[in-house]
Amino acid sequence: MPMAQEKTKPMFLLKPGDGAIGAHYQAVQSCYNDFKQLTLKIISAIDSN
C-alpha cells in the first residue's frame, strides 16, 4: 500500500519499474486478480437486474 501511495497508482497497477519486484510483484498480481473477480461479480449483479 505505501508503494502505491508513493507512486500515486492503484495497488493492482504497480509494475517492476515502480519497485514492485519479487514478493511485491506477486502481491500486485494477487491484488489485480482479486479486483478483477470483484469487478466481474459486480457487472454480473448489475446485468441480472
PDB file of N, CA and C in Angstrom:
ATOM      1  N   MET A   1       0.812  -1.192   0.000  1.00  0.00           N
ATOM      2  CA  MET A   1       0.000   0.000   0.000  1.00  0.00           C
ATOM      3  C   MET A   1       0.860   1.261   0.000  1.00  0.00           C
ATOM      4  N   PRO A   2       1.882   1.345   0.849  1.00  0.00           N
ATOM      5  CA  PRO A   2       2.706   2.563   0.833  1.00  0.00           C
ATOM      6  C   PRO A   2       3.353   2.815  -0.539  1.00  0.00           C
ATOM      7  N   MET A   3       3.769   1.750  -1.214  1.00  0.00           N
ATOM      8  CA  MET A   3       4.376   1.908  -2.532  1.00  0.00           C
ATOM      9  C   MET A   3       3.370   2.495  -3.520  1.00  0.00           C
ATOM     10  N   ALA A   4       2.147   2.024  -3.471  1.00  0.00           N
ATOM     11  CA  ALA A   4       1.099   2.534  -4.357  1.00  0.00           C
ATOM     12  C   ALA A   4       0.813   4.005  -4.051  1.00  0.00           C
ATOM     13  N   GLN A   5       0.805   4.356  -2.782  1.00  0.00           N
ATOM     14  CA  GLN A   5       0.563   5.747  -2.405  1.00  0.00           C
ATOM     15  C   GLN A   5       1.704   6.643  -2.893  1.00  0.00           C
ATOM     16  N   GLU A   6       2.917   6.147  -2.753  1.00  0.00           N
ATOM     17  CA  GLU A   6       4.088   6.918  -3.180  1.00  0.00           C
ATOM     18  C   GLU A   6       4.081   7.138  -4.691  1.00  0.00           C
ATOM     19  N   LYS A   7       3.681   6.126  -5.433  1.00  0.00           N
ATOM     20  CA  LYS A   7       3.664   6.208  -6.900  1.00  0.00           C
ATOM     21  C   LYS A   7       2.347   6.774  -7.423  1.00  0.00           C
ATOM     22  N   THR A   8       1.415   7.041  -6.527  1.00  0.00           N
ATOM     23  CA  THR A   8       0.062   7.523  -6.855  1.00  0.00           C
ATOM     24  C   THR A   8      -0.594   6.668  -7.939  1.00  0.00           C
ATOM     25  N   LYS A   9      -0.561   5.358  -7.693  1.00  0.00           N
ATOM     26  CA  LYS A   9      -1.183   4.377  -8.583  1.00  0.00           C
ATOM     27  C   LYS A   9      -1.992   3.404  -7.736  1.00  0.00           C
ATOM     28  N   PRO A  10      -3.011   2.796  -8.333  1.00  0.00           N
ATOM     29  CA  PRO A  10      -3.700   1.718  -7.617  1.00  0.00           C
ATOM     30  C   PRO A  10      -2.722   0.561  -7.390  1.00  0.00           C
ATOM     31  N   MET A  11      -2.905  -0.159  -6.306  1.00  0.00           N
ATOM     32  CA  MET A  11      -2.005  -1.272  -5.980  1.00  0.00           C
ATOM     33  C   MET A  11      -1.903  -2.277  -7.108  1.00  0.00           C
ATOM     34  N   PHE A  12      -3.018  -2.524  -7.797  1.00  0.00           N
ATOM     35  CA  PHE A  12      -3.032  -3.567  -8.810  1.00  0.00           C
ATOM     36  C   PHE A  12      -2.416  -3.129 -10.140  1.00  0.00           C
ATOM     37  N   LEU A  13      -1.941  -1.889 -10.242  1.00  0.00           N
ATOM     38  CA  LEU A  13      -1.298  -1.428 -11.474  1.00  0.00           C
ATOM     39  C   LEU A  13       0.194  -1.150 -11.319  1.00  0.00           C
ATOM     40  N   LEU A  14       0.759  -1.502 -10.167  1.00  0.00           N
ATOM     41  CA  LEU A  14       2.190  -1.301  -9.973  1.00  0.00           C
ATOM     42  C   LEU A  14       2.982  -2.243 -10.873  1.00  0.00           C
ATOM     43  N   LYS A  15       4.087  -1.764 -11.375  1.00  0.00           N
ATOM     44  CA  LYS A  15       4.955  -2.527 -12.275  1.00  0.00           C
ATOM     45  C   LYS A  15       6.347  -2.644 -11.651  1.00  0.00           C
ATOM     46  N   PRO A  16       7.182  -3.531 -12.197  1.00  0.00           N
ATOM     47  CA  PRO A  16       8.546  -3.631 -11.683  1.00  0.00           C
ATOM     48  C   PRO A  16       9.296  -2.290 -11.715  1.00  0.00           C
ATOM     49  N   GLY A  17       9.018  -1.464 -12.714  1.00  0.00           N
ATOM     50  CA  GLY A  17       9.650  -0.151 -12.783  1.00  0.00           C
ATOM     51  C   GLY A  17       9.262   0.768 -11.633  1.00  0.00           C
ATOM     52  N   ASP A  18       8.140   0.453 -10.984  1.00  0.00           N
ATOM     53  CA  ASP A  18       7.697   1.222  -9.816  1.00  0.00           C
ATOM     54  C   ASP A  18       8.327   0.696  -8.529  1.00  0.00           C
ATOM     55  N   GLY A  19       9.037  -0.414  -8.636  1.00  0.00           N
ATOM     56  CA  GLY A  19       9.658  -1.012  -7.462  1.00  0.00           C
ATOM     57  C   GLY A  19       8.980  -2.279  -6.997  1.00  0.00           C
ATOM     58  N   ALA A  20       7.947  -2.717  -7.693  1.00  0.00           N
ATOM     59  CA  ALA A  20       7.226  -3.942  -7.320  1.00  0.00           C
ATOM     60  C   ALA A  20       7.945  -5.138  -7.944  1.00  0.00           C
ATOM     61  N   ILE A  21       8.877  -5.696  -7.197  1.00  0.00           N
ATOM     62  CA  ILE A  21       9.629  -6.850  -7.683  1.00  0.00           C
ATOM     63  C   ILE A  21       9.535  -7.976  -6.666  1.00  0.00           C
ATOM     64  N   GLY A  22       9.774  -9.184  -7.131  1.00  0.00           N
ATOM     65  CA  GLY A  22       9.749 -10.347  -6.245  1.00  0.00           C
ATOM     66  C   GLY A  22       8.399 -10.538  -5.588  1.00  0.00           C
ATOM     67  N   ALA A  23       8.416 -10.643  -4.262  1.00  0.00           N
ATOM     68  CA  ALA A  23       7.186 -10.877  -3.495  1.00  0.00           C
ATOM     69  C   ALA A  23       6.205  -9.725  -3.659  1.00  0.00           C
ATOM     70  N   HIS A  24       6.718  -8.513  -3.829  1.00  0.00           N
ATOM     71  CA  HIS A  24       5.829  -7.368  -4.032  1.00  0.00           C
ATOM     72  C   HIS A  24       5.058  -7.525  -5.341  1.00  0.00           C
ATOM     73  N   TYR A  25       5.732  -7.993  -6.381  1.00  0.00           N
ATOM     74  CA  TYR A  25       5.062  -8.160  -7.669  1.00  0.00           C
ATOM     75  C   TYR A  25       4.007  -9.268  -7.586  1.00  0.00           C
ATOM     76  N   GLN A  26       4.304 -10.324  -6.840  1.00  0.00           N
ATOM     77  CA  GLN A  26       3.321 -11.388  -6.652  1.00  0.00           C
ATOM     78  C   GLN A  26       2.088 -10.850  -5.918  1.00  0.00           C
ATOM     79  N   ALA A  27       2.301  -9.980  -4.956  1.00  0.00           N
ATOM     80  CA  ALA A  27       1.175  -9.370  -4.237  1.00  0.00           C
ATOM     81  C   ALA A  27       0.365  -8.479  -5.169  1.00  0.00           C
ATOM     82  N   VAL A  28       1.039  -7.780  -6.072  1.00  0.00           N
ATOM     83  CA  VAL A  28       0.349  -6.936  -7.056  1.00  0.00           C
ATOM     84  C   VAL A  28      -0.524  -7.809  -7.952  1.00  0.00           C
ATOM     85  N   GLN A  29       0.005  -8.925  -8.422  1.00  0.00           N
ATOM     86  CA  GLN A  29      -0.751  -9.839  -9.278  1.00  0.00           C
ATOM     87  C   GLN A  29      -1.966 -10.399  -8.540  1.00  0.00           C
ATOM     88  N   SER A  30      -1.781 -10.756  -7.285  1.00  0.00           N
ATOM     89  CA  SER A  30      -2.881 -11.278  -6.474  1.00  0.00           C
ATOM     90  C   SER A  30      -3.955 -10.210  -6.284  1.00  0.00           C
ATOM     91  N   CYS A  31      -3.534  -8.992  -6.016  1.00  0.00           N
ATOM     92  CA  CYS A  31      -4.469  -7.878  -5.848  1.00  0.00           C
ATOM     93  C   CYS A  31      -5.231  -7.634  -7.147  1.00  0.00           C
ATOM     94  N   TYR A  32      -4.528  -7.664  -8.272  1.00  0.00           N
ATOM     95  CA  TYR A  32      -5.171  -7.478  -9.574  1.00  0.00           C
ATOM     96  C   TYR A  32      -6.254  -8.533  -9.794  1.00  0.00           C
ATOM     97  N   ASN A  33      -5.911  -9.785  -9.509  1.00  0.00           N
ATOM     98  CA  ASN A  33      -6.872 -10.870  -9.686  1.00  0.00           C
ATOM     99  C   ASN A  33      -8.083 -10.714  -8.770  1.00  0.00           C
ATOM    100  N   ASP A  34      -7.851 -10.289  -7.533  1.00  0.00           N
ATOM    101  CA  ASP A  34      -8.955 -10.063  -6.592  1.00  0.00           C
ATOM    102  C   ASP A  34      -9.897  -8.968  -7.105  1.00  0.00           C
ATOM    103  N   PHE A  35      -9.330  -7.857  -7.558  1.00  0.00           N
ATOM    104  CA  PHE A  35     -10.154  -6.773  -8.067  1.00  0.00           C
ATOM    105  C   PHE A  35     -10.873  -7.172  -9.353  1.00  0.00           C
ATOM    106  N   LYS A  36     -10.223  -7.964 -10.191  1.00  0.00           N
ATOM    107  CA  LYS A  36     -10.857  -8.425 -11.421  1.00  0.00           C
ATOM    108  C   LYS A  36     -12.080  -9.285 -11.107  1.00  0.00           C
ATOM    109  N   GLN A  37     -11.935 -10.224 -10.170  1.00  0.00           N
ATOM    110  CA  GLN A  37     -13.054 -11.083  -9.783  1.00  0.00           C
ATOM    111  C   GLN A  37     -14.190 -10.264  -9.176  1.00  0.00           C
ATOM    112  N   LEU A  38     -13.843  -9.292  -8.344  1.00  0.00           N
ATOM    113  CA  LEU A  38     -14.853  -8.415  -7.745  1.00  0.00           C
ATOM    114  C   LEU A  38     -15.594  -7.637  -8.828  1.00  0.00           C
ATOM    115  N   THR A  39     -14.851  -7.106  -9.783  1.00  0.00           N
ATOM    116  CA  THR A  39     -15.463  -6.361 -10.883  1.00  0.00           C
ATOM    117  C   THR A  39     -16.425  -7.226 -11.678  1.00  0.00           C
ATOM    118  N   LEU A  40     -16.011  -8.455 -11.974  1.00  0.00           N
ATOM    119  CA  LEU A  40     -16.870  -9.363 -12.735  1.00  0.00           C
ATOM    120  C   LEU A  40     -18.151  -9.696 -11.967  1.00  0.00           C
ATOM    121  N   LYS A  41     -18.043  -9.855 -10.646  1.00  0.00           N
ATOM    122  CA  LYS A  41     -19.229 -10.121  -9.831  1.00  0.00           C
ATOM    123  C   LYS A  41     -20.174  -8.926  -9.822  1.00  0.00           C
ATOM    124  N   ILE A  42     -19.615  -7.732  -9.740  1.00  0.00           N
ATOM    125  CA  ILE A  42     -20.449  -6.524  -9.745  1.00  0.00           C
ATOM    126  C   ILE A  42     -21.164  -6.389 -11.094  1.00  0.00           C
ATOM    127  N   ILE A  43     -20.430  -6.594 -12.177  1.00  0.00           N
ATOM    128  CA  ILE A  43     -21.030  -6.494 -13.509  1.00  0.00           C
ATOM    129  C   ILE A  43     -22.123  -7.545 -13.667  1.00  0.00           C
ATOM    130  N   SER A  44     -21.884  -8.748 -13.180  1.00  0.00           N
ATOM    131  CA  SER A  44     -22.879  -9.802 -13.264  1.00  0.00           C
ATOM    132  C   SER A  44     -24.141  -9.438 -12.486  1.00  0.00           C
ATOM    133  N   ALA A  45     -23.961  -8.859 -11.311  1.00  0.00           N
ATOM    134  CA  ALA A  45     -25.102  -8.453 -10.487  1.00  0.00           C
ATOM    135  C   ALA A  45     -25.896  -7.337 -11.158  1.00  0.00           C
ATOM    136  N   ILE A  46     -25.203  -6.422 -11.808  1.00  0.00           N
ATOM    137  CA  ILE A  46     -25.880  -5.323 -12.499  1.00  0.00           C
ATOM    138  C   ILE A  46     -26.656  -5.861 -13.698  1.00  0.00           C
ATOM    139  N   ASP A  47     -26.041  -6.772 -14.443  1.00  0.00           N
ATOM    140  CA  ASP A  47     -26.683  -7.341 -15.625  1.00  0.00           C
ATOM    141  C   ASP A  47     -27.923  -8.151 -15.276  1.00  0.00           C
ATOM    142  N   SER A  48     -27.949  -8.769 -14.108  1.00  0.00           N
ATOM    143  CA  SER A  48     -29.078  -9.611 -13.735  1.00  0.00           C
ATOM    144  C   SER A  48     -30.275  -8.814 -13.208  1.00  0.00           C
ATOM    145  N   ASN A  49     -30.088  -7.525 -13.001  1.00  0.00           N
ATOM    146  CA  ASN A  49     -31.189  -6.676 -12.511  1.00  0.00           C
ATOM    147  C   ASN A  49     -31.894  -6.038 -13.617  1.00  0.00           C
TER     148      ASN A  49
END
